[in-house]
Amino acid sequence: MNYVSLDEDAGRGGALKSLFEFPNPVNDYAARCTAALVVALAVVTIVSRQPVATWLAAVMAVGFALRVAGGPRYSPFGRLSVHVLAPRVAREPKLVPGPPKRFAQTIGLTFSLIAFALFLADAGLAARIVLGVLILAALAESALGFCLGCWMFAQLQKVGIIPESVCIECANIWNRPAA
């Protein structure tokens, strides 16, 4: 029999955990570039005919799932944003807390999965409306620097639904002086 010591088992759990770690902090410029790519993909999905729209919605959902799982590490959009686009936007990164960005990615995953399911159910108009809402949120982040998911995260933390321990840096974020 092959026995695993507790130390070895803990090491495996740590390795598994590190595979699914979300970066903290996150380069805001990279996040905004990723949001712009999401806008572009969502617009192309909306204007595409079936079955292409369904496949593009699936690609979008997979992209969000990869970003939720490990930030930009596994996501083609994330890698493109971190390594190519964001360095062209600004030489120095603008670092922001990671947990709100992961929360925002999770909301994007939810919306893209709903759109995919609606396309599969032959409810193309409803799918396109869901993608329209996703476009508005991603456009607000990419063009204006306003992350709706991050704002929602802050509100949920403010009322105690998300504990402060999830993101110490985020606690009382609205009371900080502007940088």
C-alpha atoms as a PDB file:
ATOM      1  CA  MET A   1       0.000   0.000   0.000  1.00  0.00           C
ATOM      2  CA  ASN A   2       1.076   3.522  -0.677  1.00  0.00           C
ATOM      3  CA  TYR A   3       0.586   5.757   2.361  1.00  0.00           C
ATOM      4  CA  VAL A   4       0.788   9.525   2.116  1.00  0.00           C
ATOM      5  CA  SER A   5       1.996  11.469   5.104  1.00  0.00           C
ATOM      6  CA  LEU A   6       0.020  14.443   6.314  1.00  0.00           C
ATOM      7  CA  ASP A   7       2.842  16.728   5.217  1.00  0.00           C
ATOM      8  CA  GLU A   8       2.802  15.292   1.688  1.00  0.00           C
ATOM      9  CA  ASP A   9      -0.979  15.550   1.556  1.00  0.00           C
ATOM     10  CA  ALA A  10      -0.851  19.170   2.701  1.00  0.00           C
ATOM     11  CA  GLY A  11       1.727  19.852   0.004  1.00  0.00           C
ATOM     12  CA  ARG A  12      -0.599  18.441  -2.642  1.00  0.00           C
ATOM     13  CA  GLY A  13      -3.483  20.563  -1.386  1.00  0.00           C
ATOM     14  CA  GLY A  14      -1.235  23.611  -1.456  1.00  0.00           C
ATOM     15  CA  ALA A  15      -0.217  22.835  -5.029  1.00  0.00           C
ATOM     16  CA  LEU A  16      -3.842  22.385  -6.054  1.00  0.00           C
ATOM     17  CA  LYS A  17      -4.782  25.597  -4.305  1.00  0.00           C
ATOM     18  CA  SER A  18      -1.997  27.493  -6.067  1.00  0.00           C
ATOM     19  CA  LEU A  19      -3.343  26.249  -9.419  1.00  0.00           C
ATOM     20  CA  PHE A  20      -6.592  28.073  -8.715  1.00  0.00           C
ATOM     21  CA  GLU A  21      -5.286  31.192  -6.996  1.00  0.00           C
ATOM     22  CA  PHE A  22      -6.455  34.529  -8.266  1.00  0.00           C
ATOM     23  CA  PRO A  23      -3.761  37.204  -8.287  1.00  0.00           C
ATOM     24  CA  ASN A  24      -3.843  39.827  -5.585  1.00  0.00           C
ATOM     25  CA  PRO A  25      -3.197  42.615  -6.394  1.00  0.00           C
ATOM     26  CA  VAL A  26      -4.297  42.914 -10.030  1.00  0.00           C
ATOM     27  CA  ASN A  27      -3.094  45.341 -12.672  1.00  0.00           C
ATOM     28  CA  ASP A  28      -6.153  47.506 -13.307  1.00  0.00           C
ATOM     29  CA  TYR A  29      -4.948  48.348 -16.812  1.00  0.00           C
ATOM     30  CA  ALA A  30      -4.861  44.644 -17.696  1.00  0.00           C
ATOM     31  CA  ALA A  31      -8.359  44.195 -16.251  1.00  0.00           C
ATOM     32  CA  ARG A  32      -9.624  47.093 -18.342  1.00  0.00           C
ATOM     33  CA  CYS A  33      -8.001  45.660 -21.481  1.00  0.00           C
ATOM     34  CA  THR A  34      -9.624  42.290 -20.779  1.00  0.00           C
ATOM     35  CA  ALA A  35     -12.967  44.032 -20.374  1.00  0.00           C
ATOM     36  CA  ALA A  36     -12.487  45.689 -23.780  1.00  0.00           C
ATOM     37  CA  LEU A  37     -11.826  42.273 -25.326  1.00  0.00           C
ATOM     38  CA  VAL A  38     -15.000  40.961 -23.678  1.00  0.00           C
ATOM     39  CA  VAL A  39     -16.944  43.878 -25.170  1.00  0.00           C
ATOM     40  CA  ALA A  40     -15.604  43.033 -28.628  1.00  0.00           C
ATOM     41  CA  LEU A  41     -16.422  39.316 -28.307  1.00  0.00           C
ATOM     42  CA  ALA A  42     -19.896  40.032 -26.924  1.00  0.00           C
ATOM     43  CA  VAL A  43     -20.686  42.463 -29.761  1.00  0.00           C
ATOM     44  CA  VAL A  44     -19.542  39.914 -32.350  1.00  0.00           C
ATOM     45  CA  THR A  45     -21.670  37.284 -30.588  1.00  0.00           C
ATOM     46  CA  ILE A  46     -24.753  39.516 -30.654  1.00  0.00           C
ATOM     47  CA  VAL A  47     -24.465  40.226 -34.383  1.00  0.00           C
ATOM     48  CA  SER A  48     -23.653  36.616 -35.330  1.00  0.00           C
ATOM     49  CA  ARG A  49     -26.228  34.164 -36.619  1.00  0.00           C
ATOM     50  CA  GLN A  50     -26.876  30.760 -35.176  1.00  0.00           C
ATOM     51  CA  PRO A  51     -25.044  28.427 -34.545  1.00  0.00           C
ATOM     52  CA  VAL A  52     -22.026  30.768 -34.486  1.00  0.00           C
ATOM     53  CA  ALA A  53     -23.566  32.919 -31.730  1.00  0.00           C
ATOM     54  CA  THR A  54     -23.985  29.851 -29.518  1.00  0.00           C
ATOM     55  CA  TRP A  55     -20.367  28.800 -30.032  1.00  0.00           C
ATOM     56  CA  LEU A  56     -19.101  32.329 -29.340  1.00  0.00           C
ATOM     57  CA  ALA A  57     -21.191  32.488 -26.149  1.00  0.00           C
ATOM     58  CA  ALA A  58     -19.602  29.183 -25.107  1.00  0.00           C
ATOM     59  CA  VAL A  59     -16.128  30.580 -25.813  1.00  0.00           C
ATOM     60  CA  MET A  60     -16.973  33.655 -23.730  1.00  0.00           C
ATOM     61  CA  ALA A  61     -18.196  31.505 -20.820  1.00  0.00           C
ATOM     62  CA  VAL A  62     -15.058  29.362 -20.952  1.00  0.00           C
ATOM     63  CA  GLY A  63     -12.912  32.519 -20.935  1.00  0.00           C
ATOM     64  CA  PHE A  64     -14.687  33.805 -17.840  1.00  0.00           C
ATOM     65  CA  ALA A  65     -14.391  30.394 -16.155  1.00  0.00           C
ATOM     66  CA  LEU A  66     -10.645  30.359 -16.838  1.00  0.00           C
ATOM     67  CA  ARG A  67     -10.251  33.863 -15.393  1.00  0.00           C
ATOM     68  CA  VAL A  68     -12.303  32.979 -12.303  1.00  0.00           C
ATOM     69  CA  ALA A  69     -10.173  29.864 -11.820  1.00  0.00           C
ATOM     70  CA  GLY A  70      -6.769  31.511 -12.018  1.00  0.00           C
ATOM     71  CA  GLY A  71      -6.932  35.102 -13.135  1.00  0.00           C
ATOM     72  CA  PRO A  72      -5.093  35.757 -16.387  1.00  0.00           C
ATOM     73  CA  ARG A  73      -2.919  32.635 -16.037  1.00  0.00           C
ATOM     74  CA  TYR A  74      -5.209  30.315 -18.049  1.00  0.00           C
ATOM     75  CA  SER A  75      -7.213  32.825 -20.069  1.00  0.00           C
ATOM     76  CA  PRO A  76      -6.098  33.817 -23.578  1.00  0.00           C
ATOM     77  CA  PHE A  77      -7.738  37.251 -23.107  1.00  0.00           C
ATOM     78  CA  GLY A  78      -6.058  37.612 -19.712  1.00  0.00           C
ATOM     79  CA  ARG A  79      -2.622  36.674 -21.022  1.00  0.00           C
ATOM     80  CA  LEU A  80      -2.978  38.988 -24.021  1.00  0.00           C
ATOM     81  CA  SER A  81      -4.025  41.820 -21.716  1.00  0.00           C
ATOM     82  CA  VAL A  82      -1.258  41.287 -19.146  1.00  0.00           C
ATOM     83  CA  HIS A  83       1.621  40.657 -21.528  1.00  0.00           C
ATOM     84  CA  VAL A  84       0.765  42.685 -24.637  1.00  0.00           C
ATOM     85  CA  LEU A  85      -2.006  45.259 -24.212  1.00  0.00           C
ATOM     86  CA  ALA A  86      -1.591  46.664 -20.677  1.00  0.00           C
ATOM     87  CA  PRO A  87       2.146  47.382 -21.105  1.00  0.00           C
ATOM     88  CA  ARG A  88       1.214  49.469 -24.150  1.00  0.00           C
ATOM     89  CA  VAL A  89      -1.397  51.382 -22.133  1.00  0.00           C
ATOM     90  CA  ALA A  90       0.925  52.258 -19.241  1.00  0.00           C
ATOM     91  CA  ARG A  91       4.503  51.369 -18.346  1.00  0.00           C
ATOM     92  CA  GLU A  92       3.732  51.059 -14.641  1.00  0.00           C
ATOM     93  CA  PRO A  93       0.825  48.895 -13.490  1.00  0.00           C
ATOM     94  CA  LYS A  94      -1.991  50.368 -11.433  1.00  0.00           C
ATOM     95  CA  LEU A  95      -2.501  47.789  -8.704  1.00  0.00           C
ATOM     96  CA  VAL A  96      -5.951  47.137  -7.259  1.00  0.00           C
ATOM     97  CA  PRO A  97      -7.221  44.379  -4.919  1.00  0.00           C
ATOM     98  CA  GLY A  98      -7.863  41.007  -6.551  1.00  0.00           C
ATOM     99  CA  PRO A  99     -10.960  39.683  -4.716  1.00  0.00           C
ATOM    100  CA  PRO A 100     -13.370  42.261  -6.184  1.00  0.00           C
ATOM    101  CA  LYS A 101     -12.027  41.543  -9.681  1.00  0.00           C
ATOM    102  CA  ARG A 102     -12.585  37.804  -9.177  1.00  0.00           C
ATOM    103  CA  PHE A 103     -16.118  38.573  -7.995  1.00  0.00           C
ATOM    104  CA  ALA A 104     -16.666  40.646 -11.152  1.00  0.00           C
ATOM    105  CA  GLN A 105     -15.333  37.799 -13.309  1.00  0.00           C
ATOM    106  CA  THR A 106     -17.762  35.447 -11.561  1.00  0.00           C
ATOM    107  CA  ILE A 107     -20.653  37.746 -12.456  1.00  0.00           C
ATOM    108  CA  GLY A 108     -19.405  37.788 -16.058  1.00  0.00           C
ATOM    109  CA  LEU A 109     -19.266  33.990 -15.986  1.00  0.00           C
ATOM    110  CA  THR A 110     -22.849  33.868 -14.736  1.00  0.00           C
ATOM    111  CA  PHE A 111     -24.115  36.213 -17.446  1.00  0.00           C
ATOM    112  CA  SER A 112     -22.227  34.434 -20.211  1.00  0.00           C
ATOM    113  CA  LEU A 113     -23.511  31.027 -19.030  1.00  0.00           C
ATOM    114  CA  ILE A 114     -27.060  32.371 -18.991  1.00  0.00           C
ATOM    115  CA  ALA A 115     -26.606  33.740 -22.525  1.00  0.00           C
ATOM    116  CA  PHE A 116     -25.159  30.398 -23.681  1.00  0.00           C
ATOM    117  CA  ALA A 117     -28.071  28.490 -22.137  1.00  0.00           C
ATOM    118  CA  LEU A 118     -30.559  30.870 -23.747  1.00  0.00           C
ATOM    119  CA  PHE A 119     -28.934  30.386 -27.159  1.00  0.00           C
ATOM    120  CA  LEU A 120     -29.138  26.609 -26.648  1.00  0.00           C
ATOM    121  CA  ALA A 121     -32.823  26.977 -25.736  1.00  0.00           C
ATOM    122  CA  ASP A 122     -33.385  28.885 -28.989  1.00  0.00           C
ATOM    123  CA  ALA A 123     -34.092  32.100 -27.081  1.00  0.00           C
ATOM    124  CA  GLY A 124     -31.678  34.206 -29.111  1.00  0.00           C
ATOM    125  CA  LEU A 125     -33.288  37.565 -28.338  1.00  0.00           C
ATOM    126  CA  ALA A 126     -33.132  36.952 -24.583  1.00  0.00           C
ATOM    127  CA  ALA A 127     -29.501  35.784 -24.928  1.00  0.00           C
ATOM    128  CA  ARG A 128     -28.630  38.959 -26.815  1.00  0.00           C
ATOM    129  CA  ILE A 129     -30.281  41.116 -24.135  1.00  0.00           C
ATOM    130  CA  VAL A 130     -28.231  39.369 -21.432  1.00  0.00           C
ATOM    131  CA  LEU A 131     -25.096  39.967 -23.505  1.00  0.00           C
ATOM    132  CA  GLY A 132     -26.129  43.612 -23.905  1.00  0.00           C
ATOM    133  CA  VAL A 133     -26.141  44.019 -20.118  1.00  0.00           C
ATOM    134  CA  LEU A 134     -22.730  42.318 -19.979  1.00  0.00           C
ATOM    135  CA  ILE A 135     -21.466  44.724 -22.642  1.00  0.00           C
ATOM    136  CA  LEU A 136     -22.619  47.728 -20.605  1.00  0.00           C
ATOM    137  CA  ALA A 137     -20.776  46.494 -17.512  1.00  0.00           C
ATOM    138  CA  ALA A 138     -17.606  45.599 -19.424  1.00  0.00           C
ATOM    139  CA  LEU A 139     -17.712  48.888 -21.328  1.00  0.00           C
ATOM    140  CA  ALA A 140     -18.015  50.833 -18.066  1.00  0.00           C
ATOM    141  CA  GLU A 141     -14.859  49.126 -16.829  1.00  0.00           C
ATOM    142  CA  SER A 142     -12.849  49.327 -20.018  1.00  0.00           C
ATOM    143  CA  ALA A 143     -13.726  52.894 -20.994  1.00  0.00           C
ATOM    144  CA  LEU A 144     -14.460  54.568 -17.656  1.00  0.00           C
ATOM    145  CA  GLY A 145     -12.546  52.472 -15.135  1.00  0.00           C
ATOM    146  CA  PHE A 146     -15.764  51.717 -13.238  1.00  0.00           C
ATOM    147  CA  CYS A 147     -15.982  48.041 -12.315  1.00  0.00           C
ATOM    148  CA  LEU A 148     -19.630  47.305 -11.547  1.00  0.00           C
ATOM    149  CA  GLY A 149     -18.753  43.929 -10.005  1.00  0.00           C
ATOM    150  CA  CYS A 150     -16.159  45.603  -7.782  1.00  0.00           C
ATOM    151  CA  TRP A 151     -18.734  48.174  -6.707  1.00  0.00           C
ATOM    152  CA  MET A 152     -21.197  45.373  -5.904  1.00  0.00           C
ATOM    153  CA  PHE A 153     -18.460  43.563  -3.956  1.00  0.00           C
ATOM    154  CA  ALA A 154     -17.886  46.724  -1.891  1.00  0.00           C
ATOM    155  CA  GLN A 155     -21.605  47.104  -1.194  1.00  0.00           C
ATOM    156  CA  LEU A 156     -21.878  43.457  -0.105  1.00  0.00           C
ATOM    157  CA  GLN A 157     -18.836  43.894   2.112  1.00  0.00           C
ATOM    158  CA  LYS A 158     -20.282  47.120   3.542  1.00  0.00           C
ATOM    159  CA  VAL A 159     -23.469  45.349   4.696  1.00  0.00           C
ATOM    160  CA  GLY A 160     -21.533  42.335   6.007  1.00  0.00           C
ATOM    161  CA  ILE A 161     -22.518  39.719   3.401  1.00  0.00           C
ATOM    162  CA  ILE A 162     -18.889  39.471   2.310  1.00  0.00           C
ATOM    163  CA  PRO A 163     -16.683  39.502   5.417  1.00  0.00           C
ATOM    164  CA  GLU A 164     -13.854  42.029   5.657  1.00  0.00           C
ATOM    165  CA  SER A 165     -11.424  39.097   5.927  1.00  0.00           C
ATOM    166  CA  VAL A 166     -12.054  38.266   2.244  1.00  0.00           C
ATOM    167  CA  CYS A 167     -10.390  41.522   1.258  1.00  0.00           C
ATOM    168  CA  ILE A 168      -8.781  43.540   4.018  1.00  0.00           C
ATOM    169  CA  GLU A 169      -7.597  46.120   1.459  1.00  0.00           C
ATOM    170  CA  CYS A 170     -11.184  46.617   0.314  1.00  0.00           C
ATOM    171  CA  ALA A 171     -12.627  47.431   3.732  1.00  0.00           C
ATOM    172  CA  ASN A 172     -13.563  51.101   3.876  1.00  0.00           C
ATOM    173  CA  ILE A 173     -12.271  51.592   0.333  1.00  0.00           C
ATOM    174  CA  TRP A 174     -14.674  54.479  -0.213  1.00  0.00           C
ATOM    175  CA  ASN A 175     -13.257  56.379   2.779  1.00  0.00           C
ATOM    176  CA  ARG A 176      -9.715  56.500   1.376  1.00  0.00           C
ATOM    177  CA  PRO A 177      -8.301  59.640  -0.146  1.00  0.00           C
ATOM    178  CA  ALA A 178      -7.882  59.584  -3.945  1.00  0.00           C
ATOM    179  CA  ALA A 179      -4.417  58.535  -5.105  1.00  0.00           C
END
